N, C-alpha and C. Protein backbone atom coordinates (compact mmCIF):
# COMPACT_ATOMS: atom_id res chain seq x y z
N UNK A 1 14.38 -8.67 1.95
CA UNK A 1 13.38 -8.50 3.78
C UNK A 1 13.67 -9.41 4.80
N UNK A 2 14.01 -8.44 5.69
CA UNK A 2 14.37 -9.50 7.02
C UNK A 2 13.42 -10.19 7.92
N UNK A 3 12.56 -11.10 8.50
CA UNK A 3 11.85 -11.51 9.62
C UNK A 3 12.49 -11.60 10.88
N UNK A 4 11.94 -10.81 11.67
CA UNK A 4 12.68 -10.66 12.98
C UNK A 4 11.94 -10.88 14.05
N UNK A 5 11.78 -11.70 15.49
CA UNK A 5 10.96 -11.23 17.06
C UNK A 5 11.17 -9.82 17.43
N UNK A 6 10.44 -9.59 17.67
CA UNK A 6 10.22 -8.75 19.19
C UNK A 6 11.44 -8.74 19.95
N UNK A 7 12.47 -7.56 19.56
CA UNK A 7 13.43 -7.71 20.24
C UNK A 7 13.88 -8.41 22.00
N UNK A 8 12.72 -8.16 22.54
CA UNK A 8 12.70 -8.25 24.26
C UNK A 8 11.86 -9.39 24.76
N UNK A 9 11.44 -9.82 23.75
CA UNK A 9 10.88 -11.18 24.14
C UNK A 9 10.60 -12.21 23.19
N UNK A 10 10.88 -13.52 23.20
CA UNK A 10 10.08 -14.30 22.46
C UNK A 10 8.68 -13.94 21.93
N UNK A 11 7.75 -13.96 22.57
CA UNK A 11 6.30 -13.63 21.92
C UNK A 11 6.29 -12.81 21.16
N UNK A 12 5.52 -13.71 20.27
CA UNK A 12 4.41 -12.82 19.55
C UNK A 12 3.96 -11.44 19.71
N UNK A 13 4.14 -10.83 18.42
CA UNK A 13 3.86 -9.45 19.34
C UNK A 13 2.43 -9.14 18.90
N UNK A 14 1.79 -8.27 20.14
CA UNK A 14 -0.09 -8.10 19.78
C UNK A 14 0.13 -6.71 19.03
N UNK A 15 -0.56 -6.06 18.05
CA UNK A 15 -1.21 -4.86 17.45
C UNK A 15 -0.10 -3.49 18.63
N UNK A 16 -1.35 -3.78 19.93
CA UNK A 16 -0.38 -2.93 20.44
C UNK A 16 0.87 -2.50 20.92
N UNK A 17 1.32 -3.84 20.70
CA UNK A 17 2.82 -3.70 21.37
C UNK A 17 3.71 -3.44 20.51
N UNK A 18 2.90 -3.38 19.12
CA UNK A 18 3.72 -3.11 17.46
C UNK A 18 3.77 -1.67 18.16
N UNK A 19 2.39 -1.17 17.76
CA UNK A 19 2.33 0.80 18.04
C UNK A 19 3.50 0.98 19.54
N UNK A 20 3.55 0.91 20.40
CA UNK A 20 4.14 0.95 21.10
C UNK A 20 6.23 0.71 20.97
N UNK A 21 6.45 0.02 20.14
CA UNK A 21 7.79 -0.62 19.97
C UNK A 21 8.71 0.74 19.35
N UNK A 22 9.88 0.47 20.04
CA UNK A 22 10.83 1.16 19.37
C UNK A 22 11.91 1.16 19.75
N UNK A 23 13.04 0.79 18.56
CA UNK A 23 13.79 -0.22 18.96
C UNK A 23 15.16 0.97 18.69
N UNK A 24 14.83 1.89 18.87
CA UNK A 24 15.84 3.08 18.79
C UNK A 24 16.24 3.32 17.54
N UNK A 25 15.79 2.97 16.43
CA UNK A 25 16.10 3.31 15.42
C UNK A 25 15.03 3.65 14.70
N UNK A 26 15.25 4.54 13.42
CA UNK A 26 14.36 5.14 12.11
C UNK A 26 13.71 3.79 11.06
N UNK A 27 14.07 2.40 11.40
CA UNK A 27 13.51 1.64 10.79
C UNK A 27 11.78 1.40 10.49
N UNK A 28 11.52 1.05 10.15
CA UNK A 28 10.23 0.73 9.49
C UNK A 28 9.87 -0.90 9.37
N UNK A 29 8.76 -1.21 10.04
CA UNK A 29 8.13 -2.10 10.25
C UNK A 29 6.83 -2.76 9.77
N UNK A 30 6.37 -3.69 9.40
CA UNK A 30 4.93 -3.76 8.71
C UNK A 30 4.85 -5.20 9.95
N UNK A 31 4.00 -5.22 10.25
CA UNK A 31 3.36 -6.80 11.22
C UNK A 31 3.24 -7.48 10.65
N UNK A 32 3.40 -9.37 10.57
CA UNK A 32 2.38 -10.39 10.31
C UNK A 32 2.98 -11.14 11.21
N UNK A 33 1.41 -11.50 11.21
CA UNK A 33 0.85 -12.61 12.35
C UNK A 33 1.91 -12.47 13.36
N UNK A 34 2.01 -11.76 13.95
CA UNK A 34 2.42 -11.04 15.35
C UNK A 34 4.09 -10.70 14.87
N UNK A 35 4.54 -10.78 13.97
CA UNK A 35 6.15 -10.92 13.75
C UNK A 35 6.69 -9.46 12.97
N UNK A 36 7.45 -9.04 13.02
CA UNK A 36 7.75 -7.71 12.64
C UNK A 36 8.73 -7.78 11.36
N UNK A 37 8.22 -6.72 10.64
CA UNK A 37 8.92 -7.30 9.16
C UNK A 37 9.58 -6.24 8.54
N UNK A 38 10.84 -6.23 8.51
CA UNK A 38 11.87 -5.00 8.55
C UNK A 38 11.82 -4.96 7.01
N UNK A 39 11.39 -3.62 7.15
CA UNK A 39 11.33 -2.42 5.79
C UNK A 39 12.12 -2.13 5.67
N UNK A 40 12.81 -2.78 4.14
CA UNK A 40 14.57 -2.32 3.71
C UNK A 40 14.18 -1.15 2.91
N UNK A 41 15.24 -0.76 2.90
CA UNK A 41 15.38 0.94 1.53
C UNK A 41 14.67 0.31 0.24
N UNK A 42 13.84 1.63 -0.12
CA UNK A 42 13.21 1.09 -1.33
C UNK A 42 14.43 1.50 -2.35
N UNK A 43 14.40 0.67 -3.23
CA UNK A 43 15.23 1.05 -4.28
C UNK A 43 14.85 2.34 -5.06
N UNK A 44 15.81 2.74 -6.09
CA UNK A 44 15.37 3.86 -6.52
C UNK A 44 14.22 4.62 -7.30
N UNK A 45 13.90 2.84 -8.68
CA UNK A 45 12.88 3.19 -9.66
C UNK A 45 11.43 3.19 -8.39
N UNK A 46 11.72 2.22 -7.66
CA UNK A 46 10.44 2.27 -6.17
C UNK A 46 9.73 3.52 -5.82
N UNK A 47 10.55 3.90 -5.78
CA UNK A 47 10.55 5.56 -5.46
C UNK A 47 10.11 6.27 -6.06
N UNK A 48 10.71 6.40 -7.34
CA UNK A 48 10.95 7.12 -8.35
C UNK A 48 8.69 7.04 -8.85
N UNK A 49 8.94 5.60 -8.84
CA UNK A 49 7.32 5.24 -9.32
C UNK A 49 6.19 5.71 -8.15
N UNK A 50 6.31 5.63 -7.00
CA UNK A 50 5.62 6.26 -5.72
C UNK A 50 5.48 7.73 -5.89
N UNK A 51 6.74 8.25 -6.46
CA UNK A 51 6.74 9.66 -6.38
C UNK A 51 5.36 9.94 -7.55
N UNK A 52 5.76 9.66 -8.79
CA UNK A 52 5.41 10.48 -9.84
C UNK A 52 4.08 9.86 -9.58
N UNK A 53 3.53 9.15 -8.98
CA UNK A 53 1.79 8.50 -9.08
C UNK A 53 1.55 9.77 -8.17
N UNK A 54 1.96 10.23 -6.98
CA UNK A 54 1.66 11.14 -5.76
C UNK A 54 1.56 12.14 -6.10
N UNK A 55 2.32 12.61 -7.68
CA UNK A 55 2.67 13.66 -8.10
C UNK A 55 0.97 14.12 -9.14
N UNK A 56 0.98 12.45 -10.03
CA UNK A 56 0.37 12.62 -11.01
C UNK A 56 -1.03 12.98 -10.00
N UNK A 57 -1.39 12.11 -9.33
CA UNK A 57 -2.81 12.27 -8.99
C UNK A 57 -3.31 13.62 -8.41
N UNK A 58 -2.56 14.16 -7.49
CA UNK A 58 -2.54 15.93 -7.44
C UNK A 58 -2.57 16.61 -8.31
N UNK A 59 -1.74 16.56 -9.87
CA UNK A 59 -2.35 16.97 -10.55
C UNK A 59 -3.57 17.25 -11.50
N UNK A 60 -4.11 15.24 -10.76
CA UNK A 60 -5.47 15.26 -11.21
C UNK A 60 -6.88 15.81 -10.39
N UNK A 61 -5.86 16.60 -9.58
CA UNK A 61 -7.00 17.55 -8.35
C UNK A 61 -7.45 17.11 -6.77
N UNK A 62 -6.93 15.43 -6.89
CA UNK A 62 -6.65 15.13 -5.69
C UNK A 62 -6.29 16.08 -4.53
N UNK A 63 -6.93 16.39 -3.74
CA UNK A 63 -6.67 17.02 -2.70
C UNK A 63 -4.97 15.96 -2.23
N UNK A 64 -4.35 17.65 -1.39
CA UNK A 64 -3.40 16.56 -0.37
C UNK A 64 -3.62 15.50 0.85
N UNK A 65 -4.14 16.36 1.14
CA UNK A 65 -4.96 15.64 2.52
C UNK A 65 -5.37 14.06 1.98
N UNK A 66 -5.91 13.88 0.94
CA UNK A 66 -6.11 12.57 0.23
C UNK A 66 -4.83 11.94 0.16
N UNK A 67 -3.57 12.25 0.05
CA UNK A 67 -2.76 11.29 -0.45
C UNK A 67 -2.18 11.17 0.24
N UNK A 68 -1.29 9.69 0.48
CA UNK A 68 -0.53 9.46 1.63
C UNK A 68 0.60 8.38 1.22
N UNK A 69 2.06 8.69 1.61
CA UNK A 69 2.83 7.59 1.31
C UNK A 69 3.03 7.02 2.55
N UNK A 70 3.27 5.81 2.67
CA UNK A 70 3.78 5.12 3.57
C UNK A 70 2.43 4.50 4.63
N UNK A 71 1.59 5.27 4.79
CA UNK A 71 -0.07 5.01 5.90
C UNK A 71 -0.08 3.68 6.15
N UNK A 72 0.15 3.48 7.26
CA UNK A 72 -0.31 1.96 7.80
C UNK A 72 -1.30 2.04 7.89
N UNK A 73 -1.81 0.13 7.03
CA UNK A 73 -2.73 -0.33 7.44
C UNK A 73 -2.94 -1.39 8.29
N UNK A 74 -3.91 -1.28 9.04
CA UNK A 74 -4.23 -2.60 10.06
C UNK A 74 -5.26 -3.47 8.88
N UNK A 75 -5.17 -4.85 8.71
CA UNK A 75 -6.14 -5.18 7.29
C UNK A 75 -6.81 -6.29 8.35
N UNK A 76 -6.11 -6.67 9.22
CA UNK A 76 -6.56 -7.72 10.28
C UNK A 76 -6.08 -7.70 11.78
N UNK A 77 -6.64 -8.38 13.29
CA UNK A 77 -5.97 -8.34 14.08
C UNK A 77 -4.40 -8.50 14.12
N UNK A 78 -3.68 -8.98 13.45
CA UNK A 78 -2.42 -9.35 13.41
C UNK A 78 -1.89 -8.96 12.25
N UNK A 79 -2.18 -8.45 11.91
CA UNK A 79 -1.79 -7.51 10.54
C UNK A 79 -1.71 -6.36 10.00
N UNK A 80 -0.27 -5.85 10.10
CA UNK A 80 -0.40 -4.05 9.63
C UNK A 80 0.67 -3.87 8.50
N UNK A 81 0.55 -3.43 7.24
CA UNK A 81 1.17 -3.49 6.06
C UNK A 81 0.85 -2.41 5.58
N UNK A 82 2.23 -1.42 5.07
CA UNK A 82 2.67 0.01 4.91
C UNK A 82 2.98 0.31 2.90
N UNK A 83 1.86 0.11 2.91
CA UNK A 83 1.72 0.45 0.98
C UNK A 83 2.78 1.74 0.96
N UNK A 84 3.51 1.57 -0.31
CA UNK A 84 3.72 2.91 -0.81
C UNK A 84 2.95 4.21 -1.41
N UNK A 85 1.76 3.95 -1.51
CA UNK A 85 1.06 5.25 -2.00
C UNK A 85 -0.36 4.50 -1.41
N UNK A 86 -1.35 5.18 -0.68
CA UNK A 86 -2.85 5.56 -0.82
C UNK A 86 -3.53 6.75 -1.31
N UNK A 87 -4.76 5.93 -1.39
CA UNK A 87 -5.83 7.26 -2.34
C UNK A 87 -6.98 7.04 -1.12
N UNK A 88 -7.03 7.88 -0.12
CA UNK A 88 -8.28 8.03 1.11
C UNK A 88 -9.41 8.58 0.17
N UNK A 89 -10.38 8.19 0.75
CA UNK A 89 -11.37 8.44 0.47
C UNK A 89 -11.92 10.22 1.36
N UNK A 90 -12.95 10.98 1.13
CA UNK A 90 -12.99 12.39 2.17
C UNK A 90 -13.40 11.95 3.15
N UNK A 91 -13.96 10.89 3.08
CA UNK A 91 -14.45 10.32 4.48
C UNK A 91 -13.76 9.92 5.24
N UNK A 92 -12.97 9.14 5.06
CA UNK A 92 -11.73 8.77 5.29
C UNK A 92 -10.41 9.82 5.86
N UNK A 93 -10.07 10.76 5.02
CA UNK A 93 -9.71 11.61 5.23
C UNK A 93 -9.98 12.83 6.16
N UNK A 94 -11.19 12.60 6.73
CA UNK A 94 -11.53 13.70 7.45
C UNK A 94 -11.47 12.37 9.26
N UNK A 95 -11.79 11.30 9.84
CA UNK A 95 -11.41 10.48 10.26
C UNK A 95 -10.00 10.35 10.91
N UNK A 96 -8.90 10.19 9.77
CA UNK A 96 -7.81 10.18 10.33
C UNK A 96 -6.97 11.71 10.46
N UNK A 97 -7.52 12.99 10.05
CA UNK A 97 -7.18 14.00 10.65
C UNK A 97 -7.33 14.52 11.58
N UNK A 98 -5.64 14.81 12.71
CA UNK A 98 -5.21 15.08 13.59
C UNK A 98 -4.68 13.74 14.16
N UNK A 99 -4.75 12.56 14.32
CA UNK A 99 -4.06 11.55 14.99
C UNK A 99 -2.75 12.07 14.95
N UNK A 100 -2.46 10.68 15.74
CA UNK A 100 -1.29 11.37 16.33
C UNK A 100 -0.19 10.55 15.88
N UNK A 101 -0.67 9.22 14.77
CA UNK A 101 0.32 8.15 14.12
C UNK A 101 -0.71 8.15 12.80
N UNK A 102 -0.20 8.12 11.69
CA UNK A 102 -0.53 7.14 10.13
C UNK A 102 -1.13 6.40 10.00
N UNK A 103 -2.25 5.88 10.70
CA UNK A 103 -2.71 4.33 10.28
C UNK A 103 -3.93 4.15 10.30
N UNK A 104 -4.00 3.34 9.22
CA UNK A 104 -5.67 3.34 9.06
C UNK A 104 -6.49 2.14 9.84
N UNK A 105 -7.03 2.33 11.36
CA UNK A 105 -7.61 1.32 12.27
C UNK A 105 -8.64 0.31 11.21
N UNK A 106 -9.08 -0.61 11.57
CA UNK A 106 -10.34 -1.39 11.20
C UNK A 106 -11.56 -1.30 11.32
N UNK A 107 -12.15 0.10 12.24
CA UNK A 107 -13.00 0.82 12.62
C UNK A 107 -13.18 2.41 11.57
N UNK A 108 -12.21 2.05 11.00
CA UNK A 108 -11.57 3.61 9.83
C UNK A 108 -12.65 2.59 8.42
N UNK A 109 -13.19 4.01 7.41
CA UNK A 109 -13.36 3.35 6.09
C UNK A 109 -12.14 2.55 5.74
N UNK A 110 -12.42 1.81 4.61
CA UNK A 110 -11.15 1.56 4.18
C UNK A 110 -10.68 2.81 2.56
N UNK A 111 -9.62 2.37 2.32
CA UNK A 111 -8.80 3.38 1.67
C UNK A 111 -9.62 3.35 0.24
N UNK A 112 -9.77 4.83 -0.79
CA UNK A 112 -9.72 4.37 -2.08
C UNK A 112 -8.86 3.11 -3.21
N UNK A 113 -7.62 3.46 -3.21
CA UNK A 113 -6.96 2.59 -3.87
C UNK A 113 -5.76 2.68 -3.43
N UNK A 114 -5.34 1.25 -3.22
CA UNK A 114 -3.88 1.40 -2.48
C UNK A 114 -2.81 0.91 -3.40
N UNK A 115 -2.06 1.30 -3.67
CA UNK A 115 -0.02 1.13 -4.83
C UNK A 115 1.02 0.39 -3.63
N UNK A 116 1.41 -0.92 -4.33
CA UNK A 116 2.14 -1.41 -3.69
C UNK A 116 3.42 -1.30 -4.54
N UNK A 117 4.16 -1.47 -4.91
CA UNK A 117 5.58 -1.31 -5.85
C UNK A 117 6.45 -2.35 -5.68
N UNK A 118 6.15 -3.33 -6.43
CA UNK A 118 6.68 -4.82 -6.12
C UNK A 118 8.71 -4.71 -5.64
N UNK A 119 9.14 -5.04 -5.01
CA UNK A 119 10.46 -5.07 -4.49
C UNK A 119 11.01 -6.69 -4.87
N UNK A 120 12.29 -6.84 -5.60
CA UNK A 120 12.90 -8.05 -5.08
C UNK A 120 12.79 -8.66 -4.46
N UNK A 121 12.43 -9.86 -5.06
CA UNK A 121 12.04 -11.16 -3.78
C UNK A 121 11.08 -11.31 -2.83
N UNK A 122 9.92 -10.50 -3.43
CA UNK A 122 9.23 -10.06 -2.45
C UNK A 122 7.15 -10.08 -3.37
N UNK A 123 7.53 -10.20 -4.89
CA UNK A 123 6.33 -10.50 -5.47
C UNK A 123 4.97 -11.13 -4.57
N UNK A 124 5.85 -12.61 -4.20
CA UNK A 124 3.97 -13.18 -3.53
C UNK A 124 4.18 -12.82 -2.44
N UNK A 125 4.48 -11.71 -1.55
CA UNK A 125 3.70 -10.89 -0.75
C UNK A 125 2.74 -10.05 -1.55
N UNK A 126 3.26 -9.24 -2.64
CA UNK A 126 2.71 -8.26 -2.76
C UNK A 126 1.06 -8.75 -3.58
N UNK A 127 0.89 -10.02 -4.27
CA UNK A 127 0.40 -10.79 -5.42
C UNK A 127 -0.30 -11.67 -5.33
N UNK A 128 -0.36 -12.04 -3.39
CA UNK A 128 -0.92 -12.70 -2.97
C UNK A 128 -1.63 -12.98 -1.22
N UNK A 129 -0.70 -12.48 -0.57
CA UNK A 129 -1.01 -11.98 0.72
C UNK A 129 -1.47 -10.57 0.63
N UNK A 130 -1.41 -9.72 0.36
CA UNK A 130 -1.51 -8.72 0.38
C UNK A 130 -3.03 -8.36 -0.10
N UNK A 131 -2.92 -9.07 -1.14
CA UNK A 131 -4.10 -9.39 -1.92
C UNK A 131 -5.15 -9.63 -0.93
N UNK A 132 -4.97 -10.87 -0.49
CA UNK A 132 -6.10 -11.03 0.13
C UNK A 132 -6.14 -9.77 1.26
N UNK A 133 -5.77 -9.77 2.51
CA UNK A 133 -5.38 -8.81 3.12
C UNK A 133 -6.20 -7.53 2.62
N UNK A 134 -6.07 -6.83 1.67
CA UNK A 134 -6.55 -6.01 1.44
C UNK A 134 -7.79 -6.06 0.83
N UNK A 135 -8.49 -7.17 0.30
CA UNK A 135 -9.39 -7.86 -0.37
C UNK A 135 -10.94 -8.19 1.26
N UNK A 136 -9.83 -8.41 2.07
CA UNK A 136 -10.73 -8.65 3.62
C UNK A 136 -10.46 -6.94 4.33
N UNK A 137 -10.14 -6.32 4.20
CA UNK A 137 -9.87 -4.80 4.31
C UNK A 137 -11.51 -4.43 3.61
N UNK A 138 -11.83 -4.50 2.13
CA UNK A 138 -12.46 -3.78 1.44
C UNK A 138 -12.05 -2.67 0.77
N UNK A 139 -10.59 -2.68 0.43
CA UNK A 139 -10.15 -1.89 -0.56
C UNK A 139 -10.43 -1.90 -1.70
N UNK A 140 -11.10 -0.75 -2.14
CA UNK A 140 -11.90 -0.58 -3.62
C UNK A 140 -11.07 -0.93 -4.76
N UNK A 141 -9.63 -0.57 -4.97
CA UNK A 141 -9.28 -1.06 -6.19
C UNK A 141 -7.57 -0.66 -4.99
N UNK A 142 -6.77 -2.23 -6.03
CA UNK A 142 -5.44 -2.08 -5.13
C UNK A 142 -4.73 -2.23 -6.60
N UNK A 143 -3.41 -1.28 -6.65
CA UNK A 143 -2.56 -1.53 -8.00
C UNK A 143 -1.34 -2.31 -7.71
N UNK A 144 -1.05 -2.81 -7.57
CA UNK A 144 0.42 -3.98 -7.94
C UNK A 144 1.49 -3.54 -9.13
N UNK A 145 2.48 -2.58 -9.05
CA UNK A 145 3.42 -2.44 -10.21
C UNK A 145 4.59 -3.16 -10.02
N UNK A 146 4.90 -3.56 -10.71
CA UNK A 146 5.56 -4.47 -10.95
C UNK A 146 7.02 -3.69 -11.87
N UNK A 147 7.77 -3.68 -11.46
CA UNK A 147 9.03 -3.33 -12.29
C UNK A 147 9.88 -4.23 -12.65
N UNK A 148 9.92 -5.07 -12.09
CA UNK A 148 10.72 -6.22 -12.73
C UNK A 148 10.10 -7.14 -13.31
N UNK A 149 8.46 -7.66 -13.33
CA UNK A 149 8.16 -8.47 -14.74
C UNK A 149 7.45 -7.32 -15.59
N UNK A 150 7.84 -6.17 -15.48
CA UNK A 150 7.14 -4.71 -16.11
C UNK A 150 5.65 -4.63 -16.61
N UNK A 151 5.05 -4.87 -15.19
CA UNK A 151 3.40 -4.90 -15.70
C UNK A 151 3.19 -4.56 -14.46
N UNK A 152 1.76 -3.96 -14.53
CA UNK A 152 0.55 -3.51 -13.98
C UNK A 152 -0.69 -4.26 -13.41
N UNK A 153 -0.73 -4.76 -12.24
CA UNK A 153 -1.89 -5.40 -12.09
C UNK A 153 -2.96 -4.68 -11.50
N UNK A 154 -4.11 -4.37 -11.80
CA UNK A 154 -5.03 -3.45 -10.76
C UNK A 154 -5.94 -4.43 -10.77
N UNK A 155 -6.21 -4.61 -9.28
CA UNK A 155 -7.20 -5.26 -9.04
C UNK A 155 -8.31 -4.31 -8.61
N UNK A 156 -9.57 -4.41 -8.48
CA UNK A 156 -11.01 -4.03 -8.96
C UNK A 156 -12.27 -4.34 -7.53
N UNK A 157 -12.43 -4.13 -6.55
CA UNK A 157 -13.54 -4.79 -5.52
C UNK A 157 -14.92 -4.46 -6.50
N UNK A 158 -15.15 -5.98 -7.46
CA UNK A 158 -16.57 -6.21 -7.66
C UNK A 158 -17.14 -6.88 -7.02
N UNK A 159 -18.59 -6.59 -6.42
CA UNK A 159 -19.48 -7.49 -5.81
C UNK A 159 -18.84 -8.52 -4.82
N UNK A 160 -17.91 -7.36 -4.56
CA UNK A 160 -17.39 -8.81 -3.06
C UNK A 160 -16.13 -9.40 -3.58
N UNK A 161 -15.32 -9.53 -4.91
CA UNK A 161 -14.00 -9.96 -5.31
C UNK A 161 -13.40 -8.63 -5.50
N UNK A 162 -12.27 -9.69 -6.12
CA UNK A 162 -11.01 -8.40 -6.94
C UNK A 162 -10.89 -8.89 -8.06
N UNK A 163 -11.67 -8.35 -9.17
CA UNK A 163 -11.29 -8.73 -10.56
C UNK A 163 -10.36 -8.08 -11.25
N UNK A 164 -9.31 -8.60 -11.70
CA UNK A 164 -8.00 -8.62 -12.01
C UNK A 164 -7.74 -8.18 -13.86
N UNK A 165 -7.17 -7.03 -13.49
CA UNK A 165 -6.53 -6.62 -15.00
C UNK A 165 -5.37 -6.39 -15.71
N UNK A 166 -4.17 -6.87 -16.04
CA UNK A 166 -2.46 -7.00 -16.19
C UNK A 166 -2.70 -6.14 -17.59
N UNK A 167 -1.35 -5.32 -16.85
CA UNK A 167 -1.05 -4.53 -18.46
C UNK A 167 0.15 -4.52 -18.38
N UNK A 168 0.78 -4.06 -19.46
CA UNK A 168 2.08 -4.32 -19.50
C UNK A 168 2.50 -3.63 -20.89
N UNK A 169 3.83 -3.26 -21.51
CA UNK A 169 4.05 -2.46 -22.22
C UNK A 169 3.04 -1.05 -22.41
N UNK A 170 3.05 -0.52 -23.42
CA UNK A 170 2.31 1.26 -23.79
C UNK A 170 0.65 0.90 -23.45
N UNK A 171 0.33 -0.29 -22.67
CA UNK A 171 -1.17 -0.09 -22.34
C UNK A 171 -1.64 0.85 -21.68
N UNK A 172 -3.19 1.29 -22.18
CA UNK A 172 -3.42 2.80 -21.49
C UNK A 172 -4.30 2.03 -19.87
N UNK A 173 -3.88 2.37 -18.86
CA UNK A 173 -4.60 2.40 -17.40
C UNK A 173 -6.19 2.49 -17.75
N UNK A 174 -6.70 1.33 -17.25
CA UNK A 174 -8.70 1.74 -16.73
C UNK A 174 -8.46 1.05 -15.16
N UNK A 175 -9.49 2.73 -14.55
CA UNK A 175 -9.70 2.29 -12.92
C UNK A 175 -10.50 3.04 -12.86
N UNK A 176 -11.43 2.00 -12.43
CA UNK A 176 -12.81 2.10 -11.74
C UNK A 176 -12.52 3.63 -10.70
N UNK A 177 -11.64 3.76 -10.27
CA UNK A 177 -12.33 4.90 -8.94
C UNK A 177 -11.61 5.99 -9.83
N UNK A 178 -10.52 6.30 -11.02
CA UNK A 178 -10.73 7.62 -11.65
C UNK A 178 -10.83 7.26 -13.11
N UNK A 179 -12.18 7.54 -13.48
CA UNK A 179 -12.35 7.57 -14.62
C UNK A 179 -11.44 8.34 -15.77
N UNK A 180 -11.13 9.42 -15.49
CA UNK A 180 -10.72 10.37 -16.30
C UNK A 180 -9.40 9.70 -16.72
N UNK A 181 -8.51 8.62 -16.19
CA UNK A 181 -6.92 8.59 -16.40
C UNK A 181 -6.27 8.53 -17.25
N UNK A 182 -5.25 8.99 -17.41
CA UNK A 182 -4.94 8.89 -18.36
C UNK A 182 -2.79 8.82 -18.46
N UNK A 183 -2.73 7.62 -18.01
CA UNK A 183 -2.03 6.96 -17.52
C UNK A 183 -1.41 5.78 -19.37
N UNK A 184 0.08 5.78 -18.93
CA UNK A 184 0.01 4.03 -19.60
C UNK A 184 1.25 3.47 -18.82
N UNK A 185 1.08 2.08 -19.10
CA UNK A 185 2.01 1.12 -17.91
C UNK A 185 3.38 1.83 -18.39
N UNK A 186 3.98 1.75 -19.73
CA UNK A 186 5.46 2.82 -19.46
C UNK A 186 5.56 3.63 -18.68
N UNK A 187 4.47 4.47 -19.00
CA UNK A 187 5.31 6.12 -17.71
C UNK A 187 5.01 5.26 -15.83
N UNK A 188 3.91 4.53 -15.91
CA UNK A 188 4.63 4.36 -14.39
C UNK A 188 5.43 3.78 -14.16
N UNK A 189 6.08 2.67 -15.21
CA UNK A 189 6.72 1.66 -14.40
C UNK A 189 8.34 2.80 -15.14
N UNK A 190 8.41 3.61 -15.90
CA UNK A 190 9.37 4.81 -15.92
C UNK A 190 9.53 5.65 -14.58
N UNK A 191 8.17 5.91 -14.18
CA UNK A 191 8.39 7.27 -13.31
C UNK A 191 8.65 8.45 -13.52
N UNK A 192 7.47 8.52 -14.78
CA UNK A 192 7.80 9.64 -15.23
C UNK A 192 6.75 9.58 -16.70
């Protein structure tokens, strides 16, 4: 992943400038402290894992309007993240319905679940930076799926802090958001 400044200026971007930014490509970016972060193409396993979970949650009865891939989340004033998968609450789904851009703003309710699939050389972003940003945003559950280290970390928002549980090998996943979850680490990491 490459960090680049806005092409037209050496100044850092504001959130408003980010929303109006168009470099003439289909490239996706995150915003981190005013800098554009190029979202490189996903690996096949990362795409497969995110797609598998989208289908799994849909089969569990979560309506399509509450499942989203690549929805932007403004976590703080100068940071915008684009997680692999987001499960919206019914309230958030109603608020965001009809929006021109799939962006969860700070004045909107937080998502129920955010899923990040770790890309090579990006572990510290998912485990450290995004963890604190999602916690500050009050996101109830944050899953870090790491096909490189072959583990799934589930962070559940309890009494104002994330409590962490790490799953490896064929462990069954437990979720506070989805009580009837019937998934193993192996299923998630293989993406089927």
